[in-house]
Amino acid sequence: MQALEEKLAHLMRSVDEMSDVVSGQAREIELLNRRVAMLMQREAQREAEGTGGVVFGDETPPHY
């Protein structure tokens, strides 16, 4: 009986640890999704404004 209780305690601790990991991953995924959405919105604005042009090899970049 004691062996079963020890195994159960170990399994419960493992489940709690995994739950914490999954929770942390969910928060990180949510943050990354917000960042991707923000970047996509910025790129859409840049394309709409026409300022996201491609620099060709014979052109000097705008900071020169």
PDB file of N, CA and C in Angstrom:
ATOM      1  N   MET A   1       0.822  -1.191   0.000  1.00  0.00           N
ATOM      2  CA  MET A   1       0.000   0.000   0.000  1.00  0.00           C
ATOM      3  C   MET A   1       0.872   1.263   0.000  1.00  0.00           C
ATOM      4  N   GLN A   2       1.937   1.257   0.782  1.00  0.00           N
ATOM      5  CA  GLN A   2       2.816   2.424   0.854  1.00  0.00           C
ATOM      6  C   GLN A   2       3.472   2.682  -0.502  1.00  0.00           C
ATOM      7  N   ALA A   3       3.835   1.629  -1.220  1.00  0.00           N
ATOM      8  CA  ALA A   3       4.444   1.781  -2.545  1.00  0.00           C
ATOM      9  C   ALA A   3       3.472   2.458  -3.506  1.00  0.00           C
ATOM     10  N   LEU A   4       2.206   2.081  -3.437  1.00  0.00           N
ATOM     11  CA  LEU A   4       1.202   2.710  -4.292  1.00  0.00           C
ATOM     12  C   LEU A   4       1.020   4.183  -3.952  1.00  0.00           C
ATOM     13  N   GLU A   5       1.042   4.502  -2.674  1.00  0.00           N
ATOM     14  CA  GLU A   5       0.906   5.891  -2.261  1.00  0.00           C
ATOM     15  C   GLU A   5       2.096   6.711  -2.730  1.00  0.00           C
ATOM     16  N   GLU A   6       3.301   6.135  -2.683  1.00  0.00           N
ATOM     17  CA  GLU A   6       4.492   6.842  -3.161  1.00  0.00           C
ATOM     18  C   GLU A   6       4.410   7.073  -4.665  1.00  0.00           C
ATOM     19  N   LYS A   7       3.981   6.046  -5.400  1.00  0.00           N
ATOM     20  CA  LYS A   7       3.842   6.197  -6.855  1.00  0.00           C
ATOM     21  C   LYS A   7       2.788   7.251  -7.190  1.00  0.00           C
ATOM     22  N   LEU A   8       1.697   7.224  -6.456  1.00  0.00           N
ATOM     23  CA  LEU A   8       0.638   8.206  -6.686  1.00  0.00           C
ATOM     24  C   LEU A   8       1.143   9.623  -6.411  1.00  0.00           C
ATOM     25  N   ALA A   9       1.869   9.794  -5.317  1.00  0.00           N
ATOM     26  CA  ALA A   9       2.422  11.108  -4.989  1.00  0.00           C
ATOM     27  C   ALA A   9       3.386  11.569  -6.084  1.00  0.00           C
ATOM     28  N   HIS A  10       4.208  10.656  -6.576  1.00  0.00           N
ATOM     29  CA  HIS A  10       5.150  11.000  -7.643  1.00  0.00           C
ATOM     30  C   HIS A  10       4.395  11.400  -8.910  1.00  0.00           C
ATOM     31  N   LEU A  11       3.373  10.635  -9.262  1.00  0.00           N
ATOM     32  CA  LEU A  11       2.586  10.947 -10.457  1.00  0.00           C
ATOM     33  C   LEU A  11       1.858  12.282 -10.317  1.00  0.00           C
ATOM     34  N   MET A  12       1.334  12.551  -9.141  1.00  0.00           N
ATOM     35  CA  MET A  12       0.647  13.829  -8.922  1.00  0.00           C
ATOM     36  C   MET A  12       1.617  15.002  -9.045  1.00  0.00           C
ATOM     37  N   ARG A  13       2.818  14.833  -8.520  1.00  0.00           N
ATOM     38  CA  ARG A  13       3.818  15.893  -8.637  1.00  0.00           C
ATOM     39  C   ARG A  13       4.198  16.091 -10.104  1.00  0.00           C
ATOM     40  N   SER A  14       4.345  14.985 -10.838  1.00  0.00           N
ATOM     41  CA  SER A  14       4.682  15.084 -12.260  1.00  0.00           C
ATOM     42  C   SER A  14       3.585  15.799 -13.035  1.00  0.00           C
ATOM     43  N   VAL A  15       2.353  15.485 -12.736  1.00  0.00           N
ATOM     44  CA  VAL A  15       1.229  16.131 -13.415  1.00  0.00           C
ATOM     45  C   VAL A  15       1.212  17.623 -13.103  1.00  0.00           C
ATOM     46  N   ASP A  16       1.451  17.985 -11.863  1.00  0.00           N
ATOM     47  CA  ASP A  16       1.494  19.406 -11.494  1.00  0.00           C
ATOM     48  C   ASP A  16       2.615  20.134 -12.234  1.00  0.00           C
ATOM     49  N   GLU A  17       3.786  19.509 -12.324  1.00  0.00           N
ATOM     50  CA  GLU A  17       4.909  20.124 -13.030  1.00  0.00           C
ATOM     51  C   GLU A  17       4.583  20.289 -14.513  1.00  0.00           C
ATOM     52  N   MET A  18       3.986  19.262 -15.107  1.00  0.00           N
ATOM     53  CA  MET A  18       3.625  19.347 -16.531  1.00  0.00           C
ATOM     54  C   MET A  18       2.556  20.401 -16.760  1.00  0.00           C
ATOM     55  N   SER A  19       1.644  20.520 -15.818  1.00  0.00           N
ATOM     56  CA  SER A  19       0.605  21.539 -15.930  1.00  0.00           C
ATOM     57  C   SER A  19       1.226  22.933 -15.920  1.00  0.00           C
ATOM     58  N   ASP A  20       2.210  23.139 -15.065  1.00  0.00           N
ATOM     59  CA  ASP A  20       2.906  24.429 -15.022  1.00  0.00           C
ATOM     60  C   ASP A  20       3.617  24.711 -16.341  1.00  0.00           C
ATOM     61  N   VAL A  21       4.240  23.687 -16.900  1.00  0.00           N
ATOM     62  CA  VAL A  21       4.944  23.856 -18.178  1.00  0.00           C
ATOM     63  C   VAL A  21       3.960  24.215 -19.286  1.00  0.00           C
ATOM     64  N   VAL A  22       2.854  23.494 -19.347  1.00  0.00           N
ATOM     65  CA  VAL A  22       1.847  23.753 -20.376  1.00  0.00           C
ATOM     66  C   VAL A  22       1.264  25.163 -20.213  1.00  0.00           C
ATOM     67  N   SER A  23       1.026  25.564 -19.002  1.00  0.00           N
ATOM     68  CA  SER A  23       0.513  26.906 -18.742  1.00  0.00           C
ATOM     69  C   SER A  23       1.494  27.971 -19.216  1.00  0.00           C
ATOM     70  N   GLY A  24       2.779  27.766 -18.929  1.00  0.00           N
ATOM     71  CA  GLY A  24       3.804  28.703 -19.387  1.00  0.00           C
ATOM     72  C   GLY A  24       3.887  28.751 -20.893  1.00  0.00           C
ATOM     73  N   GLN A  25       3.773  27.605 -21.525  1.00  0.00           N
ATOM     74  CA  GLN A  25       3.811  27.564 -22.982  1.00  0.00           C
ATOM     75  C   GLN A  25       2.608  28.273 -23.583  1.00  0.00           C
ATOM     76  N   ALA A  26       1.449  28.124 -22.963  1.00  0.00           N
ATOM     77  CA  ALA A  26       0.250  28.804 -23.456  1.00  0.00           C
ATOM     78  C   ALA A  26       0.426  30.322 -23.389  1.00  0.00           C
ATOM     79  N   ARG A  27       1.005  30.816 -22.284  1.00  0.00           N
ATOM     80  CA  ARG A  27       1.251  32.263 -22.170  1.00  0.00           C
ATOM     81  C   ARG A  27       2.234  32.722 -23.242  1.00  0.00           C
ATOM     82  N   GLU A  28       3.286  31.940 -23.459  1.00  0.00           N
ATOM     83  CA  GLU A  28       4.282  32.315 -24.459  1.00  0.00           C
ATOM     84  C   GLU A  28       3.689  32.290 -25.865  1.00  0.00           C
ATOM     85  N   ILE A  29       2.868  31.304 -26.165  1.00  0.00           N
ATOM     86  CA  ILE A  29       2.217  31.238 -27.478  1.00  0.00           C
ATOM     87  C   ILE A  29       1.314  32.441 -27.680  1.00  0.00           C
ATOM     88  N   GLU A  30       0.563  32.814 -26.655  1.00  0.00           N
ATOM     89  CA  GLU A  30      -0.316  33.976 -26.753  1.00  0.00           C
ATOM     90  C   GLU A  30       0.491  35.247 -27.022  1.00  0.00           C
ATOM     91  N   LEU A  31       1.615  35.407 -26.327  1.00  0.00           N
ATOM     92  CA  LEU A  31       2.480  36.570 -26.547  1.00  0.00           C
ATOM     93  C   LEU A  31       3.020  36.574 -27.973  1.00  0.00           C
ATOM     94  N   LEU A  32       3.478  35.430 -28.436  1.00  0.00           N
ATOM     95  CA  LEU A  32       4.018  35.348 -29.793  1.00  0.00           C
ATOM     96  C   LEU A  32       2.940  35.602 -30.838  1.00  0.00           C
ATOM     97  N   ASN A  33       1.725  35.129 -30.600  1.00  0.00           N
ATOM     98  CA  ASN A  33       0.624  35.399 -31.528  1.00  0.00           C
ATOM     99  C   ASN A  33       0.328  36.888 -31.608  1.00  0.00           C
ATOM    100  N   ARG A  34       0.351  37.574 -30.465  1.00  0.00           N
ATOM    101  CA  ARG A  34       0.130  39.032 -30.476  1.00  0.00           C
ATOM    102  C   ARG A  34       1.239  39.742 -31.243  1.00  0.00           C
ATOM    103  N   ARG A  35       2.481  39.297 -31.050  1.00  0.00           N
ATOM    104  CA  ARG A  35       3.598  39.931 -31.756  1.00  0.00           C
ATOM    105  C   ARG A  35       3.508  39.717 -33.258  1.00  0.00           C
ATOM    106  N   VAL A  36       3.146  38.510 -33.672  1.00  0.00           N
ATOM    107  CA  VAL A  36       3.003  38.227 -35.102  1.00  0.00           C
ATOM    108  C   VAL A  36       1.889  39.077 -35.694  1.00  0.00           C
ATOM    109  N   ALA A  37       0.776  39.179 -34.987  1.00  0.00           N
ATOM    110  CA  ALA A  37      -0.331  40.007 -35.476  1.00  0.00           C
ATOM    111  C   ALA A  37       0.107  41.462 -35.615  1.00  0.00           C
ATOM    112  N   MET A  38       0.864  41.960 -34.635  1.00  0.00           N
ATOM    113  CA  MET A  38       1.345  43.331 -34.687  1.00  0.00           C
ATOM    114  C   MET A  38       2.277  43.529 -35.893  1.00  0.00           C
ATOM    115  N   LEU A  39       3.176  42.586 -36.111  1.00  0.00           N
ATOM    116  CA  LEU A  39       4.096  42.699 -37.238  1.00  0.00           C
ATOM    117  C   LEU A  39       3.359  42.628 -38.571  1.00  0.00           C
ATOM    118  N   MET A  40       2.352  41.770 -38.646  1.00  0.00           N
ATOM    119  CA  MET A  40       1.575  41.693 -39.888  1.00  0.00           C
ATOM    120  C   MET A  40       0.808  42.983 -40.143  1.00  0.00           C
ATOM    121  N   GLN A  41       0.296  43.586 -39.072  1.00  0.00           N
ATOM    122  CA  GLN A  41      -0.404  44.861 -39.221  1.00  0.00           C
ATOM    123  C   GLN A  41       0.561  45.946 -39.686  1.00  0.00           C
ATOM    124  N   ARG A  42       1.748  45.984 -39.103  1.00  0.00           N
ATOM    125  CA  ARG A  42       2.747  46.978 -39.531  1.00  0.00           C
ATOM    126  C   ARG A  42       3.119  46.784 -40.995  1.00  0.00           C
ATOM    127  N   GLU A  43       3.309  45.537 -41.398  1.00  0.00           N
ATOM    128  CA  GLU A  43       3.679  45.271 -42.790  1.00  0.00           C
ATOM    129  C   GLU A  43       2.553  45.655 -43.734  1.00  0.00           C
ATOM    130  N   ALA A  44       1.312  45.406 -43.330  1.00  0.00           N
ATOM    131  CA  ALA A  44       0.172  45.801 -44.162  1.00  0.00           C
ATOM    132  C   ALA A  44       0.121  47.312 -44.306  1.00  0.00           C
ATOM    133  N   GLN A  45       0.385  48.044 -43.230  1.00  0.00           N
ATOM    134  CA  GLN A  45       0.416  49.506 -43.303  1.00  0.00           C
ATOM    135  C   GLN A  45       1.542  49.973 -44.220  1.00  0.00           C
ATOM    136  N   ARG A  46       2.700  49.343 -44.083  1.00  0.00           N
ATOM    137  CA  ARG A  46       3.844  49.717 -44.894  1.00  0.00           C
ATOM    138  C   ARG A  46       3.554  49.493 -46.376  1.00  0.00           C
ATOM    139  N   GLU A  47       2.915  48.365 -46.687  1.00  0.00           N
ATOM    140  CA  GLU A  47       2.571  48.092 -48.083  1.00  0.00           C
ATOM    141  C   GLU A  47       1.526  49.078 -48.585  1.00  0.00           C
ATOM    142  N   ALA A  48       0.558  49.421 -47.737  1.00  0.00           N
ATOM    143  CA  ALA A  48      -0.484  50.368 -48.141  1.00  0.00           C
ATOM    144  C   ALA A  48       0.095  51.748 -48.387  1.00  0.00           C
ATOM    145  N   GLU A  49       1.109  52.129 -47.601  1.00  0.00           N
ATOM    146  CA  GLU A  49       1.735  53.439 -47.762  1.00  0.00           C
ATOM    147  C   GLU A  49       2.760  53.451 -48.886  1.00  0.00           C
ATOM    148  N   GLY A  50       3.154  52.281 -49.315  1.00  0.00           N
ATOM    149  CA  GLY A  50       4.137  52.212 -50.389  1.00  0.00           C
ATOM    150  C   GLY A  50       5.556  52.462 -49.923  1.00  0.00           C
ATOM    151  N   THR A  51       5.828  52.352 -48.615  1.00  0.00           N
ATOM    152  CA  THR A  51       7.178  52.607 -48.111  1.00  0.00           C
ATOM    153  C   THR A  51       7.965  51.322 -47.883  1.00  0.00           C
ATOM    154  N   GLY A  52       7.398  50.200 -48.227  1.00  0.00           N
ATOM    155  CA  GLY A  52       8.093  48.925 -48.013  1.00  0.00           C
ATOM    156  C   GLY A  52       8.724  48.402 -49.275  1.00  0.00           C
ATOM    157  N   GLY A  53       9.263  49.305 -50.086  1.00  0.00           N
ATOM    158  CA  GLY A  53       9.823  48.915 -51.361  1.00  0.00           C
ATOM    159  C   GLY A  53      11.064  48.050 -51.247  1.00  0.00           C
ATOM    160  N   VAL A  54      11.395  47.448 -52.367  1.00  0.00           N
ATOM    161  CA  VAL A  54      12.570  46.583 -52.438  1.00  0.00           C
ATOM    162  C   VAL A  54      13.758  47.417 -52.911  1.00  0.00           C
ATOM    163  N   VAL A  55      14.913  47.241 -52.267  1.00  0.00           N
ATOM    164  CA  VAL A  55      16.134  47.945 -52.659  1.00  0.00           C
ATOM    165  C   VAL A  55      16.867  47.076 -53.659  1.00  0.00           C
ATOM    166  N   PHE A  56      17.124  47.634 -54.841  1.00  0.00           N
ATOM    167  CA  PHE A  56      17.838  46.889 -55.870  1.00  0.00           C
ATOM    168  C   PHE A  56      19.342  47.079 -55.696  1.00  0.00           C
ATOM    169  N   GLY A  57      20.126  46.248 -56.352  1.00  0.00           N
ATOM    170  CA  GLY A  57      21.572  46.257 -56.174  1.00  0.00           C
ATOM    171  C   GLY A  57      22.240  47.567 -56.544  1.00  0.00           C
ATOM    172  N   ASP A  58      21.711  48.287 -57.528  1.00  0.00           N
ATOM    173  CA  ASP A  58      22.352  49.531 -57.969  1.00  0.00           C
ATOM    174  C   ASP A  58      21.812  50.761 -57.248  1.00  0.00           C
ATOM    175  N   GLU A  59      20.887  50.581 -56.327  1.00  0.00           N
ATOM    176  CA  GLU A  59      20.357  51.712 -55.553  1.00  0.00           C
ATOM    177  C   GLU A  59      21.073  51.819 -54.225  1.00  0.00           C
ATOM    178  N   THR A  60      21.244  53.049 -53.762  1.00  0.00           N
ATOM    179  CA  THR A  60      21.821  53.220 -52.434  1.00  0.00           C
ATOM    180  C   THR A  60      20.684  53.225 -51.406  1.00  0.00           C
ATOM    181  N   PRO A  61      20.902  52.631 -50.270  1.00  0.00           N
ATOM    182  CA  PRO A  61      19.845  52.616 -49.245  1.00  0.00           C
ATOM    183  C   PRO A  61      19.527  54.033 -48.805  1.00  0.00           C
ATOM    184  N   PRO A  62      18.339  54.267 -48.252  1.00  0.00           N
ATOM    185  CA  PRO A  62      17.907  55.618 -47.890  1.00  0.00           C
ATOM    186  C   PRO A  62      18.730  56.264 -46.797  1.00  0.00           C
ATOM    187  N   HIS A  63      19.526  55.516 -46.054  1.00  0.00           N
ATOM    188  CA  HIS A  63      20.301  56.142 -44.979  1.00  0.00           C
ATOM    189  C   HIS A  63      21.633  56.700 -45.471  1.00  0.00           C
ATOM    190  N   TYR A  64      21.934  56.627 -46.772  1.00  0.00           N
ATOM    191  CA  TYR A  64      23.169  57.207 -47.296  1.00  0.00           C
ATOM    192  C   TYR A  64      22.949  58.607 -47.753  1.00  0.00           C
TER     193      TYR A  64
END
